[in-house]
Amino acid sequence: MPRFLYGDRLRWKTNTNTTDWGIIIGRFYSFAPHCCRWRWCYLIWLDPDSPSFTWVRADIAWEDDLEPLETELVL
């Protein structure tokens, strides 16, 4: 079963403060050569405020490279 669903807001895991984020618009099950097994891969529509949005609108990422985007409540 996939860990994330269509419409979930995610960001790439990173050791720095700069990362891209967006919303899941697709997913597929594919062979991941870096771990020699099949894994979920997600198609992510980047948020307009995401650092890479100026040159790319969508990207793909393996499930293990993503984490839920924690949003702050605006009062």
Protein backbone atom coordinates (compact mmCIF):
# COMPACT_ATOMS: atom_id res chain seq x y z
CA MET A 1 0.00 0.00 0.00
CA PRO A 2 1.26 3.50 -0.77
CA ARG A 3 2.07 5.67 2.24
CA PHE A 4 0.80 8.91 0.67
CA LEU A 5 -2.45 9.74 -1.14
CA TYR A 6 -3.43 12.05 -3.99
CA GLY A 7 -3.70 15.61 -2.68
CA ASP A 8 -1.25 15.12 0.20
CA ARG A 9 1.19 17.98 0.71
CA LEU A 10 4.77 16.71 0.93
CA ARG A 11 8.34 17.93 0.97
CA TRP A 12 11.63 16.30 0.13
CA LYS A 13 13.64 15.09 3.13
CA THR A 14 16.88 17.01 3.47
CA ASN A 15 19.57 17.92 5.99
CA THR A 16 19.31 21.60 5.09
CA ASN A 17 16.55 24.18 5.44
CA THR A 18 16.15 24.53 1.66
CA THR A 19 13.87 21.95 0.06
CA ASP A 20 11.06 21.70 -2.46
CA TRP A 21 7.46 20.93 -1.57
CA GLY A 22 4.18 20.41 -3.31
CA ILE A 23 1.06 18.29 -3.74
CA ILE A 24 0.77 14.71 -5.01
CA ILE A 25 -0.95 14.54 -8.41
CA GLY A 26 0.07 11.01 -9.36
CA ARG A 27 1.89 7.87 -8.31
CA PHE A 28 3.22 4.69 -9.86
CA TYR A 29 4.87 1.48 -8.73
CA SER A 30 8.29 1.04 -10.26
CA PHE A 31 11.54 -0.83 -9.83
CA ALA A 32 13.99 1.23 -7.74
CA PRO A 33 17.49 0.30 -8.90
CA HIS A 34 19.15 2.04 -5.95
CA CYS A 35 17.62 -0.48 -3.53
CA CYS A 36 17.01 -3.41 -5.95
CA ARG A 37 13.27 -3.68 -5.27
CA TRP A 38 9.90 -2.29 -6.31
CA ARG A 39 8.76 0.94 -4.64
CA TRP A 40 6.16 3.69 -4.92
CA CYS A 41 7.17 6.81 -6.81
CA TYR A 42 5.14 10.03 -6.70
CA LEU A 43 4.49 12.83 -9.17
CA ILE A 44 4.46 16.12 -7.28
CA TRP A 45 3.18 19.49 -8.51
CA LEU A 46 5.50 22.03 -6.90
CA ASP A 47 4.15 24.89 -4.83
CA PRO A 48 4.75 28.33 -6.43
CA ASP A 49 6.87 29.28 -3.38
CA SER A 50 9.04 26.16 -3.71
CA PRO A 51 12.71 26.98 -4.60
CA SER A 52 12.73 25.02 -7.89
CA PHE A 53 9.38 26.34 -9.16
CA THR A 54 11.08 28.98 -11.35
CA TRP A 55 12.43 26.28 -13.72
CA VAL A 56 10.29 23.17 -13.07
CA ARG A 57 6.59 22.73 -12.28
CA ALA A 58 6.44 19.01 -11.42
CA ASP A 59 8.93 16.41 -10.25
CA ILE A 60 9.00 12.78 -9.17
CA ALA A 61 10.38 11.27 -5.97
CA TRP A 62 10.63 7.87 -4.32
CA GLU A 63 8.44 7.38 -1.27
CA ASP A 64 11.43 7.14 1.10
CA ASP A 65 12.65 10.59 -0.02
CA LEU A 66 9.43 12.36 1.02
CA GLU A 67 7.78 13.44 4.24
CA PRO A 68 4.49 15.17 5.07
CA LEU A 69 4.61 18.96 4.92
CA GLU A 70 3.77 20.40 8.30
CA THR A 71 1.74 23.54 7.83
CA GLU A 72 1.26 26.32 10.34
CA LEU A 73 -2.21 27.53 11.17
CA VAL A 74 -2.80 31.15 10.22
CA LEU A 75 -5.11 32.92 12.66
